[in-house]
Protein backbone atom coordinates (compact mmCIF):
# COMPACT_ATOMS: atom_id res chain seq x y z
CA UNK A 1 55.54 -23.74 -59.72
CA UNK A 2 54.16 -20.31 -61.20
CA UNK A 3 57.57 -17.76 -61.85
CA UNK A 4 56.88 -14.11 -61.56
CA UNK A 5 59.51 -11.25 -61.44
CA UNK A 6 61.93 -13.73 -59.76
CA UNK A 7 59.14 -15.15 -57.07
CA UNK A 8 58.08 -18.66 -56.66
CA UNK A 9 54.41 -19.19 -56.34
CA UNK A 10 53.25 -22.50 -54.82
CA UNK A 11 49.51 -23.52 -56.06
CA UNK A 12 47.15 -26.14 -56.98
CA UNK A 13 46.05 -28.04 -53.84
CA UNK A 14 48.11 -25.16 -51.06
CA UNK A 15 49.11 -27.44 -48.24
CA UNK A 16 49.56 -25.20 -45.52
CA UNK A 17 53.54 -26.15 -43.79
CA UNK A 18 54.40 -24.74 -40.47
CA UNK A 19 58.72 -24.34 -41.08
CA UNK A 20 60.75 -24.08 -38.06
CA UNK A 21 63.32 -20.89 -37.99
CA UNK A 22 66.52 -20.34 -35.55
CA UNK A 23 67.29 -17.71 -33.29
CA UNK A 24 70.58 -15.95 -33.83
CA UNK A 25 71.96 -12.13 -33.74
CA UNK A 26 73.08 -9.43 -35.79
CA UNK A 27 76.49 -9.14 -36.23
CA UNK A 28 75.95 -5.02 -36.63
CA UNK A 29 73.37 -4.61 -34.07
CA UNK A 30 73.93 -7.28 -31.50
CA UNK A 31 69.82 -7.72 -32.01
CA UNK A 32 68.05 -10.76 -32.21
CA UNK A 33 66.78 -12.24 -35.57
CA UNK A 34 64.77 -15.24 -37.26
CA UNK A 35 66.83 -17.07 -39.91
CA UNK A 36 65.79 -19.63 -42.12
CA UNK A 37 67.63 -20.39 -45.61
CA UNK A 38 64.92 -20.20 -48.58
CA UNK A 39 65.94 -23.51 -49.43
CA UNK A 40 63.85 -24.70 -47.13
CA UNK A 41 60.92 -22.63 -48.51
CA UNK A 42 61.71 -23.35 -51.91
CA UNK A 43 61.64 -27.13 -51.47
CA UNK A 44 58.40 -27.05 -50.07
CA UNK A 45 56.91 -24.43 -52.57
CA UNK A 46 57.82 -26.40 -55.38
CA UNK A 47 58.06 -29.82 -54.50
CA UNK A 48 54.86 -30.08 -52.07
CA UNK A 49 52.41 -27.29 -53.96
CA UNK A 50 52.61 -25.79 -50.04
CA UNK A 51 52.43 -22.31 -48.67
CA UNK A 52 55.23 -22.19 -45.95
CA UNK A 53 54.33 -20.35 -42.71
CA UNK A 54 57.67 -19.49 -40.82
CA UNK A 55 57.67 -20.72 -37.04
CA UNK A 56 59.72 -18.42 -35.09
CA UNK A 57 61.61 -19.37 -31.64
CA UNK A 58 59.89 -16.59 -30.04
CA UNK A 59 56.23 -18.14 -29.51
CA UNK A 60 54.55 -19.15 -26.31
CA UNK A 61 53.26 -22.43 -26.09
CA UNK A 62 49.59 -21.16 -27.07
CA UNK A 63 51.06 -19.62 -30.00
CA UNK A 64 52.30 -22.36 -31.38
CA UNK A 65 49.34 -23.95 -31.03
CA UNK A 66 47.30 -21.49 -32.94
CA UNK A 67 49.79 -22.42 -36.12
CA UNK A 68 49.12 -26.19 -35.33
CA UNK A 69 45.54 -25.95 -36.06
CA UNK A 70 45.64 -24.22 -39.06
CA UNK A 71 48.18 -26.06 -40.63
CA UNK A 72 48.74 -29.63 -42.61
CA UNK A 73 52.06 -30.15 -41.97
CA UNK A 74 55.38 -29.19 -40.05
CA UNK A 75 59.12 -29.43 -41.39
CA UNK A 76 62.01 -28.61 -38.39
CA UNK A 77 64.87 -27.52 -40.72
CA UNK A 78 68.50 -27.78 -40.13
CA UNK A 79 70.59 -25.86 -38.49
CA UNK A 80 74.24 -25.02 -37.48
CA UNK A 81 73.30 -25.36 -33.61
CA UNK A 82 73.32 -28.12 -31.72
CA UNK A 83 70.52 -29.44 -29.51
CA UNK A 84 71.63 -29.10 -26.23
CA UNK A 85 72.56 -31.79 -24.02
CA UNK A 86 70.48 -31.24 -20.88
CA UNK A 87 67.42 -31.84 -23.29
CA UNK A 88 68.61 -35.88 -24.20
CA UNK A 89 69.52 -35.99 -20.80
CA UNK A 90 73.13 -35.51 -20.42
CA UNK A 91 74.54 -33.56 -17.96
CA UNK A 92 76.54 -30.95 -19.86
CA UNK A 93 76.87 -27.93 -19.38
CA UNK A 94 79.86 -26.63 -20.95
CA UNK A 95 80.15 -25.35 -24.50
CA UNK A 96 82.15 -27.94 -26.18
CA UNK A 97 78.74 -29.62 -27.77
CA UNK A 98 77.27 -26.20 -29.06
CA UNK A 99 77.05 -24.03 -30.88
CA UNK A 100 73.10 -24.04 -28.99
CA UNK A 101 69.82 -22.27 -29.85
CA UNK A 102 68.21 -23.12 -26.67
CA UNK A 103 65.32 -20.88 -27.50
CA UNK A 104 64.87 -23.11 -30.48
CA UNK A 105 64.99 -26.41 -28.89
CA UNK A 106 62.12 -25.49 -26.31
CA UNK A 107 59.70 -24.54 -29.22
CA UNK A 108 60.78 -27.04 -31.62
CA UNK A 109 60.67 -30.05 -29.41
CA UNK A 110 57.25 -28.74 -28.18
CA UNK A 111 56.09 -27.91 -31.71
CA UNK A 112 57.31 -31.54 -32.74
CA UNK A 113 55.15 -33.19 -29.94
CA UNK A 114 52.21 -31.22 -30.27
CA UNK A 115 52.29 -32.31 -33.85
CA UNK A 116 52.58 -35.75 -33.69
CA UNK A 117 49.20 -36.01 -31.05
CA UNK A 118 47.27 -33.98 -33.90
CA UNK A 119 48.48 -36.52 -35.95
CA UNK A 120 50.26 -33.81 -38.46
CA UNK A 121 52.82 -34.73 -41.15
CA UNK A 122 55.94 -34.16 -39.07
CA UNK A 123 58.87 -33.73 -41.71
CA UNK A 124 62.57 -33.57 -39.84
CA UNK A 125 66.20 -32.37 -41.28
CA UNK A 126 69.02 -33.04 -39.83
CA UNK A 127 69.06 -30.72 -36.44
CA UNK A 128 65.37 -31.59 -37.12
CA UNK A 129 65.32 -34.83 -37.56
CA UNK A 130 67.60 -34.76 -34.35
CA UNK A 131 64.58 -32.91 -32.05
CA UNK A 132 61.90 -35.32 -33.04
CA UNK A 133 63.67 -38.31 -31.54
CA UNK A 134 64.49 -36.57 -28.47
CA UNK A 135 60.61 -35.03 -28.76
CA UNK A 136 59.65 -39.20 -28.59
CA UNK A 137 62.17 -39.92 -25.93
CA UNK A 138 65.18 -41.00 -27.90
CA UNK A 139 68.92 -39.57 -26.98
CA UNK A 140 71.82 -38.41 -29.39
CA UNK A 141 74.93 -39.12 -29.84
CA UNK A 142 78.30 -36.57 -30.33
CA UNK A 143 81.90 -36.45 -30.85
CA UNK A 144 82.13 -39.25 -33.32
CA UNK A 145 82.84 -37.25 -36.17
CA UNK A 146 86.25 -37.50 -37.20
CA UNK A 147 86.86 -40.91 -35.05
CA UNK A 148 88.04 -43.79 -36.70
CA UNK A 149 85.30 -46.03 -36.12
CA UNK A 150 83.30 -43.53 -38.13
CA UNK A 151 85.08 -43.61 -41.18
CA UNK A 152 81.81 -41.94 -43.03
CA UNK A 153 81.74 -38.92 -40.70
CA UNK A 154 85.50 -37.27 -41.32
CA UNK A 155 86.10 -33.86 -39.80
CA UNK A 156 83.56 -31.76 -41.88
CA UNK A 157 85.80 -28.80 -43.65
CA UNK A 158 84.64 -25.08 -43.53
CA UNK A 159 83.24 -23.76 -46.34
CA UNK A 160 81.64 -20.86 -47.25
CA UNK A 161 80.88 -22.48 -50.98
CA UNK A 162 77.51 -24.09 -50.52
CA UNK A 163 78.33 -26.54 -53.29
CA UNK A 164 80.85 -28.04 -51.25
CA UNK A 165 79.39 -27.69 -48.20
CA UNK A 166 76.42 -29.74 -49.26
CA UNK A 167 78.52 -32.23 -51.53
CA UNK A 168 77.31 -36.21 -51.75
CA UNK A 169 79.68 -37.25 -48.27
CA UNK A 170 78.78 -40.69 -48.42
CA UNK A 171 76.59 -44.07 -48.73
CA UNK A 172 73.63 -45.08 -47.12
CA UNK A 173 71.72 -48.82 -47.36
CA UNK A 174 67.91 -48.06 -47.37
CA UNK A 175 65.53 -50.25 -46.17
CA UNK A 176 62.74 -51.25 -49.22
CA UNK A 177 59.97 -52.49 -46.85
CA UNK A 178 59.27 -49.11 -44.86
CA UNK A 179 56.85 -46.94 -46.24
CA UNK A 180 60.00 -44.04 -46.63
CA UNK A 181 62.36 -46.06 -48.79
CA UNK A 182 59.73 -47.31 -51.44
CA UNK A 183 59.21 -43.68 -51.63
CA UNK A 184 62.82 -43.16 -51.61
CA UNK A 185 63.06 -46.09 -54.60
CA UNK A 186 66.32 -47.22 -54.18
CA UNK A 187 68.23 -49.46 -51.81
CA UNK A 188 71.52 -47.67 -52.20
CA UNK A 189 71.98 -43.60 -52.25
CA UNK A 190 74.64 -40.80 -51.64
CA UNK A 191 73.96 -37.99 -49.56
CA UNK A 192 75.64 -34.79 -47.94
CA UNK A 193 76.80 -34.79 -44.03
CA UNK A 194 77.36 -31.98 -42.05
CA UNK A 195 75.96 -33.00 -38.69
CA UNK A 196 77.79 -33.55 -35.79
CA UNK A 197 75.17 -34.97 -33.96
CA UNK A 198 73.65 -37.68 -34.51
CA UNK A 199 70.55 -40.39 -33.08
CA UNK A 200 70.87 -43.36 -30.69
CA UNK A 201 68.36 -44.51 -28.53
CA UNK A 202 65.57 -44.11 -31.32
CA UNK A 203 62.49 -42.56 -29.86
CA UNK A 204 59.06 -44.40 -29.34
CA UNK A 205 57.85 -45.79 -31.65
CA UNK A 206 60.37 -44.93 -34.97
CA UNK A 207 62.17 -47.38 -36.74
CA UNK A 208 65.11 -46.90 -38.98
CA UNK A 209 64.81 -46.24 -42.83
CA UNK A 210 68.25 -45.88 -43.84
CA UNK A 211 72.08 -46.33 -42.27
CA UNK A 212 75.50 -45.59 -43.05
CA UNK A 213 78.00 -48.16 -43.17
CA UNK A 214 79.18 -46.55 -40.66
CA UNK A 215 76.03 -47.60 -38.02
CA UNK A 216 74.83 -43.59 -38.46
CA UNK A 217 71.13 -43.99 -38.51
CA UNK A 218 70.65 -41.34 -41.72
CA UNK A 219 66.63 -41.55 -42.13
CA UNK A 220 63.91 -43.05 -39.89
CA UNK A 221 59.71 -43.13 -39.91
CA UNK A 222 57.52 -43.81 -37.80
CA UNK A 223 56.20 -47.42 -37.19
CA UNK A 224 52.67 -47.53 -37.12
CA UNK A 225 51.42 -44.50 -39.64
CA UNK A 226 54.54 -43.18 -41.77
CA UNK A 227 53.55 -39.99 -40.85
CA UNK A 228 56.49 -38.74 -39.13
CA UNK A 229 60.05 -38.78 -41.02
CA UNK A 230 62.73 -37.74 -40.79
CA UNK A 231 66.92 -37.74 -42.53
CA UNK A 232 69.93 -37.09 -41.47
CA UNK A 233 71.37 -35.08 -44.80
CA UNK A 234 69.90 -32.21 -46.58
CA UNK A 235 67.72 -32.98 -49.24
CA UNK A 236 66.36 -29.21 -49.61
CA UNK A 237 69.46 -28.05 -51.53
CA UNK A 238 68.92 -27.86 -54.86
CA UNK A 239 65.85 -30.09 -54.29
CA UNK A 240 64.17 -30.41 -57.80
CA UNK A 241 67.64 -31.18 -59.48
CA UNK A 242 67.75 -34.81 -57.33
CA UNK A 243 65.73 -37.44 -57.49
CA UNK A 244 66.43 -38.41 -54.47
CA UNK A 245 65.33 -35.28 -52.84
CA UNK A 246 62.20 -35.04 -55.22
CA UNK A 247 61.15 -38.48 -53.34
CA UNK A 248 61.44 -37.53 -49.89
CA UNK A 249 59.89 -33.81 -50.21
CA UNK A 250 56.91 -35.97 -52.85
CA UNK A 251 56.38 -38.20 -49.92
CA UNK A 252 55.56 -35.30 -47.44
CA UNK A 253 53.41 -34.13 -50.05
CA UNK A 254 51.73 -37.68 -50.26
CA UNK A 255 51.44 -37.49 -46.29
CA UNK A 256 49.93 -34.00 -46.16
CA UNK A 257 47.18 -35.49 -49.01
CA UNK A 258 46.24 -38.24 -46.68
CA UNK A 259 46.33 -36.30 -43.81
CA UNK A 260 43.84 -33.37 -45.42
CA UNK A 261 41.86 -36.36 -46.67
CA UNK A 262 41.51 -38.11 -43.48
């Protein structure tokens, strides 16, 4: 990486990666805003040598198609919001499973579906992994956090300290026979956990890559070509300092290379 005046500059092959943003409200004015943590951008630039192209939740499907025509891959990021239940077949109009970002649901699910159709590498992180699963016809589970049967997922402690939010929380078992598992390079790892939704029924064409000890699917990939990957934790946080994070973003970089050369 080349660092100039505190700016990180992607170099080398200069892949272009579409990165999903979130919709929100300015606390002072109430005006709509688009939000995206820098950590997704810096991990993409530093490890994948890629130029991030931010995708706002405001785009039409035609505008999303324009972005997909010029990018090498797509990252669906995490967020504090949850996928709305009606998107995966649950008739619950209450806010108990929220907060929701319905604009993001609309944009991200279309973006995921079209990226898969076009054969673009697709990487989902936390909420992004859940969106991929829903886009492929899968379902999500909620209400498991804090339940005795899910000992790896106790109630999430509120904190404003990123080191506490993204601290290692539980172990996962990794299937070394999968493409992503081979890239990870170990059958056991420790990951963060800040999610309250998770994959329930797997979407079409996906296979599990990693599981928590209490049975939550923590990572998956597409069965046929491995061009779709998803993880339930947050490898983008301090990514270059983590062997596991570098391996996962490195795998996505390999997929970008494969896609461009093909």
